Amino acid sequence: MTNAVKRIGVLTSGGDAPGMNAAIRAVVRSAIYRGIDCVGIRRGFNGLINGDFVRLDENSVNHIINRGGTMLYTARSEEFRTVDGQQRAAATCKLLGLDGIVGIGGDGTFRGLKEFSKQGISVVGVPATIDNDIVCTDYTIGYDTAANTAVEAIDRLRDTMQSHERCSVVEVMGRNAGHLALYVGLAAGATSVLVPEKKLDFEHDVIDCIRGARLSGKTHYMIIVAEGAGSAIEIGKQIHETIGLDPRVTILGHIQRGGTPTARDRVMATRMGYHAVKVLAEGGTNRLICSQQGSMVDIDLEEGLAMKKGLNAQQYEVLQAMTGLEIEGL
């Protein structure tokens, strides 16, 4: 196949997410399929500034679809936030003959791409973050794996909580978004789920839930806390001070970012990587790849970043039925 686009770069930026390697693989193989050379930029936008790159071919991406993390490494770059840093990065692109960049990451990555496009570089973003907080897409790479990792850990915690008739407070990742916590809470059958999108009413959201569970015959309780909703340690202390339980606090932390990506993350990453190359090959720029109602589409990068994403109202409705308490202010 012949195309005006001869060579593209691919990078991963921000927090890593399971499935990033599958996305890199898809970009490389899709580029080769279209007769386009592919260059891997290591360590995110820092690599563009410093010329840290590697030429990628089919052999380079063999056997990485099942690996967590990112073979290109990832980093955040303060220097890239400056015009000087962006100009240096653009100079690297010109030196390498790159006609476009595929950036795999979250909203910070996309904001970087948007600014970088002002240097005359074609850019396409692929959403990869365990937080699933990119507004314009139904799904982000890494979300399913992180959720399954958290659920598996919580299931193990429940075994010991049941044995000792205890309360467990588990903090999951998600920054300022509660999508992961709500999803994990539903999957794990949590007593209560605390998310940053709803102002915490401790008595209603925690104590009433525990009391309701105890009155129904339960002797162990699972409280899920999104990291942006507050400190799990402080929640545990408040539970002890209010009703005398001695909660065990577990902060899952970065364990949720690691591990072998699930089938869903591998497939979504592959589809998104393919679509990103297709958009660049067809002359597109400033585009964000999105999964919407099962189909891959691309929308304007700035338009996508301007959207606001709320939590799933139907999931809240189900949570209300499962906990037996009304959830107000959602």
C-alpha atoms as a PDB file:
ATOM      1  CA  MET A   1       0.000   0.000   0.000  1.00  0.00           C
ATOM      2  CA  THR A   2       1.248   3.498  -0.777  1.00  0.00           C
ATOM      3  CA  ASN A   3       0.461   6.511   1.345  1.00  0.00           C
ATOM      4  CA  ALA A   4       1.572  10.124   1.819  1.00  0.00           C
ATOM      5  CA  VAL A   5       2.295   9.219   5.433  1.00  0.00           C
ATOM      6  CA  LYS A   6       5.694   7.490   5.413  1.00  0.00           C
ATOM      7  CA  ARG A   7       6.733   7.300   9.058  1.00  0.00           C
ATOM      8  CA  ILE A   8       4.944   7.719  12.383  1.00  0.00           C
ATOM      9  CA  GLY A   9       5.951   7.662  16.032  1.00  0.00           C
ATOM     10  CA  VAL A  10       4.188   6.000  18.948  1.00  0.00           C
ATOM     11  CA  LEU A  11       4.589   6.824  22.649  1.00  0.00           C
ATOM     12  CA  THR A  12       3.017   6.051  25.999  1.00  0.00           C
ATOM     13  CA  SER A  13       2.648   8.806  28.569  1.00  0.00           C
ATOM     14  CA  GLY A  14       1.356   9.338  32.105  1.00  0.00           C
ATOM     15  CA  GLY A  15       0.347   6.414  34.295  1.00  0.00           C
ATOM     16  CA  ASP A  16       0.796   2.954  32.790  1.00  0.00           C
ATOM     17  CA  ALA A  17      -2.204   0.722  32.149  1.00  0.00           C
ATOM     18  CA  PRO A  18      -2.496  -2.991  31.303  1.00  0.00           C
ATOM     19  CA  GLY A  19      -2.999  -3.259  27.542  1.00  0.00           C
ATOM     20  CA  MET A  20      -0.622  -0.476  26.536  1.00  0.00           C
ATOM     21  CA  ASN A  21       1.719  -3.048  25.005  1.00  0.00           C
ATOM     22  CA  ALA A  22      -1.161  -4.499  23.004  1.00  0.00           C
ATOM     23  CA  ALA A  23      -1.906  -0.997  21.692  1.00  0.00           C
ATOM     24  CA  ILE A  24       1.749  -0.438  20.732  1.00  0.00           C
ATOM     25  CA  ARG A  25       1.742  -3.779  18.917  1.00  0.00           C
ATOM     26  CA  ALA A  26      -1.414  -2.824  17.034  1.00  0.00           C
ATOM     27  CA  VAL A  27       0.028   0.539  15.975  1.00  0.00           C
ATOM     28  CA  VAL A  28       3.237  -1.056  14.704  1.00  0.00           C
ATOM     29  CA  ARG A  29       1.587  -3.920  12.826  1.00  0.00           C
ATOM     30  CA  SER A  30      -1.132  -1.669  11.379  1.00  0.00           C
ATOM     31  CA  ALA A  31       1.514   0.788  10.177  1.00  0.00           C
ATOM     32  CA  ILE A  32       3.555  -1.966   8.542  1.00  0.00           C
ATOM     33  CA  TYR A  33       0.394  -3.296   6.888  1.00  0.00           C
ATOM     34  CA  ARG A  34      -0.073   0.133   5.295  1.00  0.00           C
ATOM     35  CA  GLY A  35       3.580   0.478   4.261  1.00  0.00           C
ATOM     36  CA  ILE A  36       4.368   3.002   6.985  1.00  0.00           C
ATOM     37  CA  ASP A  37       7.546   2.925   9.099  1.00  0.00           C
ATOM     38  CA  CYS A  38       7.077   3.100  12.858  1.00  0.00           C
ATOM     39  CA  VAL A  39       9.372   4.595  15.494  1.00  0.00           C
ATOM     40  CA  GLY A  40       8.879   3.994  19.211  1.00  0.00           C
ATOM     41  CA  ILE A  41       9.435   7.062  21.403  1.00  0.00           C
ATOM     42  CA  ARG A  42      10.633   5.977  24.837  1.00  0.00           C
ATOM     43  CA  ARG A  43       9.668   7.656  28.117  1.00  0.00           C
ATOM     44  CA  GLY A  44       6.774   9.651  26.731  1.00  0.00           C
ATOM     45  CA  PHE A  45       7.178  13.275  25.723  1.00  0.00           C
ATOM     46  CA  ASN A  46      10.587  13.314  27.409  1.00  0.00           C
ATOM     47  CA  GLY A  47      11.741  10.941  24.681  1.00  0.00           C
ATOM     48  CA  LEU A  48      10.560  13.335  21.983  1.00  0.00           C
ATOM     49  CA  ILE A  49      12.515  16.163  23.566  1.00  0.00           C
ATOM     50  CA  ASN A  50      15.690  14.135  24.145  1.00  0.00           C
ATOM     51  CA  GLY A  51      15.615  11.974  21.011  1.00  0.00           C
ATOM     52  CA  ASP A  52      15.129   8.718  22.936  1.00  0.00           C
ATOM     53  CA  PHE A  53      13.699   6.404  20.295  1.00  0.00           C
ATOM     54  CA  VAL A  54      13.853   2.937  18.793  1.00  0.00           C
ATOM     55  CA  ARG A  55      12.835   1.728  15.352  1.00  0.00           C
ATOM     56  CA  LEU A  56      10.022  -0.831  15.599  1.00  0.00           C
ATOM     57  CA  ASP A  57       9.179  -3.720  13.294  1.00  0.00           C
ATOM     58  CA  GLU A  58       7.109  -6.902  13.538  1.00  0.00           C
ATOM     59  CA  ASN A  59       9.814  -8.681  15.534  1.00  0.00           C
ATOM     60  CA  SER A  60      10.003  -5.802  18.019  1.00  0.00           C
ATOM     61  CA  VAL A  61       6.411  -6.341  19.106  1.00  0.00           C
ATOM     62  CA  ASN A  62       6.296 -10.141  19.102  1.00  0.00           C
ATOM     63  CA  HIS A  63       4.928 -11.653  22.319  1.00  0.00           C
ATOM     64  CA  ILE A  64       4.062  -8.364  24.019  1.00  0.00           C
ATOM     65  CA  ILE A  65       0.271  -8.527  23.688  1.00  0.00           C
ATOM     66  CA  ASN A  66       0.072 -10.435  26.980  1.00  0.00           C
ATOM     67  CA  ARG A  67       2.513  -8.253  28.918  1.00  0.00           C
ATOM     68  CA  GLY A  68       1.485  -5.575  31.394  1.00  0.00           C
ATOM     69  CA  GLY A  69       3.200  -2.199  31.594  1.00  0.00           C
ATOM     70  CA  THR A  70       4.685  -0.617  28.484  1.00  0.00           C
ATOM     71  CA  MET A  71       7.768  -1.657  26.529  1.00  0.00           C
ATOM     72  CA  LEU A  72       8.350   2.001  25.642  1.00  0.00           C
ATOM     73  CA  TYR A  73       8.329   3.077  29.311  1.00  0.00           C
ATOM     74  CA  THR A  74       6.310   6.066  30.396  1.00  0.00           C
ATOM     75  CA  ALA A  75       6.915   9.326  32.199  1.00  0.00           C
ATOM     76  CA  ARG A  76       5.435  12.724  32.858  1.00  0.00           C
ATOM     77  CA  SER A  77       7.308  15.694  31.410  1.00  0.00           C
ATOM     78  CA  GLU A  78       7.289  19.158  32.952  1.00  0.00           C
ATOM     79  CA  GLU A  79       9.607  20.402  30.205  1.00  0.00           C
ATOM     80  CA  PHE A  80       7.082  19.462  27.537  1.00  0.00           C
ATOM     81  CA  ARG A  81       4.599  21.870  29.115  1.00  0.00           C
ATOM     82  CA  THR A  82       6.803  24.738  27.901  1.00  0.00           C
ATOM     83  CA  VAL A  83       6.865  26.111  24.365  1.00  0.00           C
ATOM     84  CA  ASP A  84      10.615  25.525  24.258  1.00  0.00           C
ATOM     85  CA  GLY A  85      10.127  21.856  25.136  1.00  0.00           C
ATOM     86  CA  GLN A  86       7.465  21.455  22.463  1.00  0.00           C
ATOM     87  CA  GLN A  87       9.693  23.097  19.872  1.00  0.00           C
ATOM     88  CA  ARG A  88      12.548  20.740  20.752  1.00  0.00           C
ATOM     89  CA  ALA A  89      10.160  17.796  20.429  1.00  0.00           C
ATOM     90  CA  ALA A  90       8.996  19.073  17.046  1.00  0.00           C
ATOM     91  CA  ALA A  91      12.636  19.330  15.950  1.00  0.00           C
ATOM     92  CA  THR A  92      13.091  15.642  16.853  1.00  0.00           C
ATOM     93  CA  CYS A  93      10.062  14.762  14.721  1.00  0.00           C
ATOM     94  CA  LYS A  94      11.502  16.651  11.761  1.00  0.00           C
ATOM     95  CA  LEU A  95      14.907  15.066  12.238  1.00  0.00           C
ATOM     96  CA  LEU A  96      13.369  11.573  12.247  1.00  0.00           C
ATOM     97  CA  GLY A  97      10.954  12.381   9.414  1.00  0.00           C
ATOM     98  CA  LEU A  98       7.857  11.620  11.473  1.00  0.00           C
ATOM     99  CA  ASP A  99       4.584  12.522   9.762  1.00  0.00           C
ATOM    100  CA  GLY A 100       2.490  11.923  12.855  1.00  0.00           C
ATOM    101  CA  ILE A 101       2.396  10.778  16.475  1.00  0.00           C
ATOM    102  CA  VAL A 102       0.128   8.257  18.199  1.00  0.00           C
ATOM    103  CA  GLY A 103      -0.016   9.066  21.920  1.00  0.00           C
ATOM    104  CA  ILE A 104      -1.342   6.350  24.247  1.00  0.00           C
ATOM    105  CA  GLY A 105      -2.433   7.588  27.674  1.00  0.00           C
ATOM    106  CA  GLY A 106      -4.982   9.662  29.585  1.00  0.00           C
ATOM    107  CA  ASP A 107      -6.214  13.231  29.606  1.00  0.00           C
ATOM    108  CA  GLY A 108      -2.772  14.661  30.428  1.00  0.00           C
ATOM    109  CA  THR A 109      -1.353  12.887  27.375  1.00  0.00           C
ATOM    110  CA  PHE A 110      -4.129  14.284  25.197  1.00  0.00           C
ATOM    111  CA  ARG A 111      -3.618  17.817  26.446  1.00  0.00           C
ATOM    112  CA  GLY A 112       0.046  17.433  25.571  1.00  0.00           C
ATOM    113  CA  LEU A 113      -0.854  16.208  22.094  1.00  0.00           C
ATOM    114  CA  LYS A 114      -3.244  19.116  21.587  1.00  0.00           C
ATOM    115  CA  GLU A 115      -0.529  21.653  22.399  1.00  0.00           C
ATOM    116  CA  PHE A 116       2.035  19.741  20.348  1.00  0.00           C
ATOM    117  CA  SER A 117      -0.183  19.850  17.262  1.00  0.00           C
ATOM    118  CA  LYS A 118       0.374  23.633  17.220  1.00  0.00           C
ATOM    119  CA  GLN A 119       3.916  22.812  16.099  1.00  0.00           C
ATOM    120  CA  GLY A 120       2.487  21.413  12.873  1.00  0.00           C
ATOM    121  CA  ILE A 121       2.622  17.727  13.881  1.00  0.00           C
ATOM    122  CA  SER A 122      -0.323  15.411  13.169  1.00  0.00           C
ATOM    123  CA  VAL A 123      -1.460  13.718  16.376  1.00  0.00           C
ATOM    124  CA  VAL A 124      -3.932  11.004  17.410  1.00  0.00           C
ATOM    125  CA  GLY A 125      -4.708   9.966  20.974  1.00  0.00           C
ATOM    126  CA  VAL A 126      -5.551   6.454  22.217  1.00  0.00           C
ATOM    127  CA  PRO A 127      -7.249   6.329  25.650  1.00  0.00           C
ATOM    128  CA  ALA A 128      -5.400   4.126  28.151  1.00  0.00           C
ATOM    129  CA  THR A 129      -6.059   4.654  31.846  1.00  0.00           C
ATOM    130  CA  ILE A 130      -7.425   2.364  34.539  1.00  0.00           C
ATOM    131  CA  ASP A 131      -9.608   5.266  35.752  1.00  0.00           C
ATOM    132  CA  ASN A 132     -11.945   5.075  32.712  1.00  0.00           C
ATOM    133  CA  ASP A 133     -12.419   8.841  33.087  1.00  0.00           C
ATOM    134  CA  ILE A 134     -12.006   9.931  29.463  1.00  0.00           C
ATOM    135  CA  VAL A 135     -15.353  11.511  28.763  1.00  0.00           C
ATOM    136  CA  CYS A 136     -15.956  10.828  25.087  1.00  0.00           C
ATOM    137  CA  THR A 137     -15.224   7.093  25.160  1.00  0.00           C
ATOM    138  CA  ASP A 138     -17.218   4.328  26.825  1.00  0.00           C
ATOM    139  CA  TYR A 139     -14.023   2.454  27.615  1.00  0.00           C
ATOM    140  CA  THR A 140     -10.341   3.062  28.259  1.00  0.00           C
ATOM    141  CA  ILE A 141      -7.554   0.493  27.970  1.00  0.00           C
ATOM    142  CA  GLY A 142      -6.603  -1.024  31.323  1.00  0.00           C
ATOM    143  CA  TYR A 143      -9.930  -0.545  33.092  1.00  0.00           C
ATOM    144  CA  ASP A 144     -11.074  -4.152  32.888  1.00  0.00           C
ATOM    145  CA  THR A 145      -7.761  -5.590  34.080  1.00  0.00           C
ATOM    146  CA  ALA A 146      -7.555  -3.152  37.003  1.00  0.00           C
ATOM    147  CA  ALA A 147     -11.124  -3.934  38.011  1.00  0.00           C
ATOM    148  CA  ASN A 148     -10.512  -7.681  37.918  1.00  0.00           C
ATOM    149  CA  THR A 149      -7.291  -7.298  39.916  1.00  0.00           C
ATOM    150  CA  ALA A 150      -9.131  -5.300  42.578  1.00  0.00           C
ATOM    151  CA  VAL A 151     -12.052  -7.746  42.731  1.00  0.00           C
ATOM    152  CA  GLU A 152      -9.698 -10.698  43.127  1.00  0.00           C
ATOM    153  CA  ALA A 153      -7.902  -8.951  45.993  1.00  0.00           C
ATOM    154  CA  ILE A 154     -11.196  -8.037  47.676  1.00  0.00           C
ATOM    155  CA  ASP A 155     -12.487 -11.607  47.352  1.00  0.00           C
ATOM    156  CA  ARG A 156      -9.396 -12.796  49.207  1.00  0.00           C
ATOM    157  CA  LEU A 157      -9.863 -10.156  51.876  1.00  0.00           C
ATOM    158  CA  ARG A 158     -13.465 -11.221  52.326  1.00  0.00           C
ATOM    159  CA  ASP A 159     -12.369 -14.756  53.175  1.00  0.00           C
ATOM    160  CA  THR A 160     -10.415 -13.535  56.174  1.00  0.00           C
ATOM    161  CA  MET A 161     -13.038 -10.910  57.111  1.00  0.00           C
ATOM    162  CA  GLN A 162     -15.695 -13.638  57.270  1.00  0.00           C
ATOM    163  CA  SER A 163     -13.452 -15.827  59.405  1.00  0.00           C
ATOM    164  CA  HIS A 164     -12.928 -13.069  61.983  1.00  0.00           C
ATOM    165  CA  GLU A 165     -16.283 -11.254  61.605  1.00  0.00           C
ATOM    166  CA  ARG A 166     -14.584  -7.981  60.765  1.00  0.00           C
ATOM    167  CA  CYS A 167     -15.029  -4.831  58.725  1.00  0.00           C
ATOM    168  CA  SER A 168     -12.682  -4.169  55.801  1.00  0.00           C
ATOM    169  CA  VAL A 169     -12.024  -0.761  54.233  1.00  0.00           C
ATOM    170  CA  VAL A 170     -10.396  -1.010  50.805  1.00  0.00           C
ATOM    171  CA  GLU A 171      -9.031   1.954  48.863  1.00  0.00           C
ATOM    172  CA  VAL A 172      -8.921   1.614  45.081  1.00  0.00           C
ATOM    173  CA  MET A 173      -7.336   3.924  42.518  1.00  0.00           C
ATOM    174  CA  GLY A 174      -9.158   6.339  40.263  1.00  0.00           C
ATOM    175  CA  ARG A 175      -7.774   9.799  41.161  1.00  0.00           C
ATOM    176  CA  ASN A 176     -10.757  12.155  41.123  1.00  0.00           C
ATOM    177  CA  ALA A 177     -13.124   9.726  39.404  1.00  0.00           C
ATOM    178  CA  GLY A 178     -15.198   6.991  41.012  1.00  0.00           C
ATOM    179  CA  HIS A 179     -15.862   4.805  37.957  1.00  0.00           C
ATOM    180  CA  LEU A 180     -13.457   2.058  39.025  1.00  0.00           C
ATOM    181  CA  ALA A 181     -14.616   2.075  42.658  1.00  0.00           C
ATOM    182  CA  LEU A 182     -18.294   1.853  41.735  1.00  0.00           C
ATOM    183  CA  TYR A 183     -17.702  -0.943  39.236  1.00  0.00           C
ATOM    184  CA  VAL A 184     -15.517  -2.900  41.665  1.00  0.00           C
ATOM    185  CA  GLY A 185     -17.993  -2.323  44.502  1.00  0.00           C
ATOM    186  CA  LEU A 186     -20.841  -3.775  42.470  1.00  0.00           C
ATOM    187  CA  ALA A 187     -18.751  -6.752  41.380  1.00  0.00           C
ATOM    188  CA  ALA A 188     -17.544  -7.450  44.925  1.00  0.00           C
ATOM    189  CA  GLY A 189     -20.903  -6.994  46.649  1.00  0.00           C
ATOM    190  CA  ALA A 190     -19.625  -4.138  48.791  1.00  0.00           C
ATOM    191  CA  THR A 191     -21.516  -2.876  51.839  1.00  0.00           C
ATOM    192  CA  SER A 192     -20.821   0.701  50.767  1.00  0.00           C
ATOM    193  CA  VAL A 193     -18.950   2.515  47.979  1.00  0.00           C
ATOM    194  CA  LEU A 194     -17.548   6.022  48.466  1.00  0.00           C
ATOM    195  CA  VAL A 195     -16.804   8.083  45.353  1.00  0.00           C
ATOM    196  CA  PRO A 196     -15.501  11.645  44.866  1.00  0.00           C
ATOM    197  CA  GLU A 197     -18.488  12.615  42.709  1.00  0.00           C
ATOM    198  CA  LYS A 198     -20.714  12.526  45.807  1.00  0.00           C
ATOM    199  CA  LYS A 199     -20.038  14.552  48.954  1.00  0.00           C
ATOM    200  CA  LEU A 200     -19.482  12.159  51.823  1.00  0.00           C
ATOM    201  CA  ASP A 201     -22.216  11.894  54.453  1.00  0.00           C
ATOM    202  CA  PHE A 202     -20.390   9.555  56.824  1.00  0.00           C
ATOM    203  CA  GLU A 203     -23.392   8.616  58.944  1.00  0.00           C
ATOM    204  CA  HIS A 204     -25.593   7.839  55.937  1.00  0.00           C
ATOM    205  CA  ASP A 205     -23.027   6.467  53.488  1.00  0.00           C
ATOM    206  CA  VAL A 206     -21.033   4.307  55.903  1.00  0.00           C
ATOM    207  CA  ILE A 207     -22.588   3.807  59.332  1.00  0.00           C
ATOM    208  CA  ASP A 208     -26.176   3.289  58.139  1.00  0.00           C
ATOM    209  CA  CYS A 209     -24.926   0.787  55.544  1.00  0.00           C
ATOM    210  CA  ILE A 210     -23.020  -1.209  58.174  1.00  0.00           C
ATOM    211  CA  ARG A 211     -25.997  -1.138  60.560  1.00  0.00           C
ATOM    212  CA  GLY A 212     -28.340  -2.227  57.792  1.00  0.00           C
ATOM    213  CA  ALA A 213     -26.046  -5.115  56.887  1.00  0.00           C
ATOM    214  CA  ARG A 214     -25.794  -6.187  60.549  1.00  0.00           C
ATOM    215  CA  LEU A 215     -29.568  -6.095  61.008  1.00  0.00           C
ATOM    216  CA  SER A 216     -29.917  -8.334  57.949  1.00  0.00           C
ATOM    217  CA  GLY A 217     -27.685 -10.910  59.588  1.00  0.00           C
ATOM    218  CA  LYS A 218     -24.241 -10.117  58.173  1.00  0.00           C
ATOM    219  CA  THR A 219     -21.218 -10.164  60.452  1.00  0.00           C
ATOM    220  CA  HIS A 220     -18.612  -8.782  58.031  1.00  0.00           C
ATOM    221  CA  TYR A 221     -18.625  -5.568  56.011  1.00  0.00           C
ATOM    222  CA  MET A 222     -16.757  -4.337  52.947  1.00  0.00           C
ATOM    223  CA  ILE A 223     -16.353  -0.582  52.407  1.00  0.00           C
ATOM    224  CA  ILE A 224     -14.840   0.472  49.057  1.00  0.00           C
ATOM    225  CA  VAL A 225     -13.244   3.934  48.928  1.00  0.00           C
ATOM    226  CA  ALA A 226     -12.121   5.661  45.725  1.00  0.00           C
ATOM    227  CA  GLU A 227      -8.803   7.404  46.411  1.00  0.00           C
ATOM    228  CA  GLY A 228     -10.305  10.773  45.471  1.00  0.00           C
ATOM    229  CA  ALA A 229     -13.173  10.338  47.953  1.00  0.00           C
ATOM    230  CA  GLY A 230     -10.988  10.423  51.034  1.00  0.00           C
ATOM    231  CA  SER A 231      -8.458   8.447  53.019  1.00  0.00           C
ATOM    232  CA  ALA A 232      -9.337   4.820  53.731  1.00  0.00           C
ATOM    233  CA  ILE A 233      -7.241   5.081  56.897  1.00  0.00           C
ATOM    234  CA  GLU A 234      -9.324   8.008  58.157  1.00  0.00           C
ATOM    235  CA  ILE A 235     -12.570   6.244  57.199  1.00  0.00           C
ATOM    236  CA  GLY A 236     -11.414   3.235  59.217  1.00  0.00           C
ATOM    237  CA  LYS A 237     -10.657   5.425  62.244  1.00  0.00           C
ATOM    238  CA  GLN A 238     -14.077   7.071  62.042  1.00  0.00           C
ATOM    239  CA  ILE A 239     -15.817   3.692  61.916  1.00  0.00           C
ATOM    240  CA  HIS A 240     -13.955   2.595  65.031  1.00  0.00           C
ATOM    241  CA  GLU A 241     -14.756   5.819  66.899  1.00  0.00           C
ATOM    242  CA  THR A 242     -18.444   5.776  65.898  1.00  0.00           C
ATOM    243  CA  ILE A 243     -19.540   2.165  66.376  1.00  0.00           C
ATOM    244  CA  GLY A 244     -16.580   0.431  67.970  1.00  0.00           C
ATOM    245  CA  LEU A 245     -15.662  -1.907  65.110  1.00  0.00           C
ATOM    246  CA  ASP A 246     -11.963  -2.461  64.477  1.00  0.00           C
ATOM    247  CA  PRO A 247     -11.690  -2.186  60.659  1.00  0.00           C
ATOM    248  CA  ARG A 248      -8.775  -3.553  58.648  1.00  0.00           C
ATOM    249  CA  VAL A 249      -7.632  -1.044  56.022  1.00  0.00           C
ATOM    250  CA  THR A 250      -6.117  -2.154  52.719  1.00  0.00           C
ATOM    251  CA  ILE A 251      -4.791   0.274  50.089  1.00  0.00           C
ATOM    252  CA  LEU A 252      -4.472  -1.647  46.828  1.00  0.00           C
ATOM    253  CA  GLY A 253      -2.413   1.080  45.171  1.00  0.00           C
ATOM    254  CA  HIS A 254      -0.325   0.341  42.107  1.00  0.00           C
ATOM    255  CA  ILE A 255      -1.008  -3.391  42.172  1.00  0.00           C
ATOM    256  CA  GLN A 256      -4.078  -2.471  40.095  1.00  0.00           C
ATOM    257  CA  ARG A 257      -1.887  -1.200  37.259  1.00  0.00           C
ATOM    258  CA  GLY A 258       0.131  -4.381  36.879  1.00  0.00           C
ATOM    259  CA  GLY A 259      -0.487  -7.872  35.619  1.00  0.00           C
ATOM    260  CA  THR A 260      -1.448  -9.603  32.415  1.00  0.00           C
ATOM    261  CA  PRO A 261      -4.151  -7.660  30.550  1.00  0.00           C
ATOM    262  CA  THR A 262      -7.527  -9.335  30.201  1.00  0.00           C
ATOM    263  CA  ALA A 263      -8.904 -10.459  26.852  1.00  0.00           C
ATOM    264  CA  ARG A 264     -11.138  -7.397  26.761  1.00  0.00           C
ATOM    265  CA  ASP A 265      -8.223  -5.006  27.252  1.00  0.00           C
ATOM    266  CA  ARG A 266      -6.150  -6.789  24.598  1.00  0.00           C
ATOM    267  CA  VAL A 267      -8.954  -6.653  22.042  1.00  0.00           C
ATOM    268  CA  MET A 268      -9.898  -3.031  22.769  1.00  0.00           C
ATOM    269  CA  ALA A 269      -6.251  -1.954  22.651  1.00  0.00           C
ATOM    270  CA  THR A 270      -5.769  -3.728  19.328  1.00  0.00           C
ATOM    271  CA  ARG A 271      -8.858  -2.152  17.792  1.00  0.00           C
ATOM    272  CA  MET A 272      -7.947   1.311  19.044  1.00  0.00           C
ATOM    273  CA  GLY A 273      -4.343   1.061  17.839  1.00  0.00           C
ATOM    274  CA  TYR A 274      -5.497  -0.051  14.402  1.00  0.00           C
ATOM    275  CA  HIS A 275      -7.987   2.818  14.169  1.00  0.00           C
ATOM    276  CA  ALA A 276      -5.360   5.372  15.240  1.00  0.00           C
ATOM    277  CA  VAL A 277      -3.066   4.392  12.360  1.00  0.00           C
ATOM    278  CA  LYS A 278      -6.004   4.393   9.952  1.00  0.00           C
ATOM    279  CA  VAL A 279      -6.855   7.982  10.943  1.00  0.00           C
ATOM    280  CA  LEU A 280      -3.263   9.193  10.462  1.00  0.00           C
ATOM    281  CA  ALA A 281      -2.907   7.323   7.168  1.00  0.00           C
ATOM    282  CA  GLU A 282      -6.045   9.032   5.873  1.00  0.00           C
ATOM    283  CA  GLY A 283      -4.700  12.481   6.740  1.00  0.00           C
ATOM    284  CA  GLY A 284      -6.470  12.987  10.059  1.00  0.00           C
ATOM    285  CA  THR A 285      -5.018  14.991  12.920  1.00  0.00           C
ATOM    286  CA  ASN A 286      -6.076  16.235  16.351  1.00  0.00           C
ATOM    287  CA  ARG A 287      -8.257  13.160  16.726  1.00  0.00           C
ATOM    288  CA  LEU A 288      -9.116  11.062  19.755  1.00  0.00           C
ATOM    289  CA  ILE A 289     -10.018   7.391  19.320  1.00  0.00           C
ATOM    290  CA  CYS A 290     -13.217   6.453  21.147  1.00  0.00           C
ATOM    291  CA  SER A 291     -15.279   3.346  21.749  1.00  0.00           C
ATOM    292  CA  GLN A 292     -18.941   4.284  21.463  1.00  0.00           C
ATOM    293  CA  GLN A 293     -21.689   1.673  21.631  1.00  0.00           C
ATOM    294  CA  GLY A 294     -19.287  -1.049  20.524  1.00  0.00           C
ATOM    295  CA  SER A 295     -17.851   0.812  17.518  1.00  0.00           C
ATOM    296  CA  MET A 296     -14.535   2.630  17.115  1.00  0.00           C
ATOM    297  CA  VAL A 297     -14.887   6.267  16.125  1.00  0.00           C
ATOM    298  CA  ASP A 298     -12.632   9.312  16.232  1.00  0.00           C
ATOM    299  CA  ILE A 299     -13.587  12.775  17.397  1.00  0.00           C
ATOM    300  CA  ASP A 300     -11.875  16.147  17.599  1.00  0.00           C
ATOM    301  CA  LEU A 301      -9.278  16.136  20.375  1.00  0.00           C
ATOM    302  CA  GLU A 302     -10.271  19.502  21.825  1.00  0.00           C
ATOM    303  CA  GLU A 303     -13.956  18.617  21.691  1.00  0.00           C
ATOM    304  CA  GLY A 304     -13.314  15.363  23.534  1.00  0.00           C
ATOM    305  CA  LEU A 305     -11.295  17.060  26.282  1.00  0.00           C
ATOM    306  CA  ALA A 306     -14.055  19.637  26.850  1.00  0.00           C
ATOM    307  CA  MET A 307     -16.696  17.003  27.680  1.00  0.00           C
ATOM    308  CA  LYS A 308     -17.705  16.190  31.264  1.00  0.00           C
ATOM    309  CA  LYS A 309     -18.226  12.601  32.388  1.00  0.00           C
ATOM    310  CA  GLY A 310     -20.539  11.647  35.234  1.00  0.00           C
ATOM    311  CA  LEU A 311     -20.886   8.265  36.862  1.00  0.00           C
ATOM    312  CA  ASN A 312     -23.218   5.644  35.447  1.00  0.00           C
ATOM    313  CA  ALA A 313     -26.690   6.407  36.861  1.00  0.00           C
ATOM    314  CA  GLN A 314     -27.921   2.861  36.263  1.00  0.00           C
ATOM    315  CA  GLN A 315     -25.020   1.421  38.252  1.00  0.00           C
ATOM    316  CA  TYR A 316     -25.925   3.738  41.116  1.00  0.00           C
ATOM    317  CA  GLU A 317     -29.502   2.529  40.910  1.00  0.00           C
ATOM    318  CA  VAL A 318     -28.333  -1.063  41.211  1.00  0.00           C
ATOM    319  CA  LEU A 319     -26.049  -0.155  44.125  1.00  0.00           C
ATOM    320  CA  GLN A 320     -29.025   1.366  45.899  1.00  0.00           C
ATOM    321  CA  ALA A 321     -30.972  -1.874  45.552  1.00  0.00           C
ATOM    322  CA  MET A 322     -28.011  -3.995  46.674  1.00  0.00           C
ATOM    323  CA  THR A 323     -27.321  -1.923  49.813  1.00  0.00           C
ATOM    324  CA  GLY A 324     -30.972  -1.273  50.574  1.00  0.00           C
ATOM    325  CA  LEU A 325     -30.355   2.434  51.158  1.00  0.00           C
ATOM    326  CA  GLU A 326     -31.458   5.475  49.220  1.00  0.00           C
ATOM    327  CA  ILE A 327     -28.573   7.294  47.557  1.00  0.00           C
ATOM    328  CA  GLU A 328     -29.194  10.995  47.495  1.00  0.00           C
ATOM    329  CA  GLY A 329     -27.574  13.803  45.574  1.00  0.00           C
ATOM    330  CA  LEU A 330     -26.343  11.745  42.609  1.00  0.00           C
END
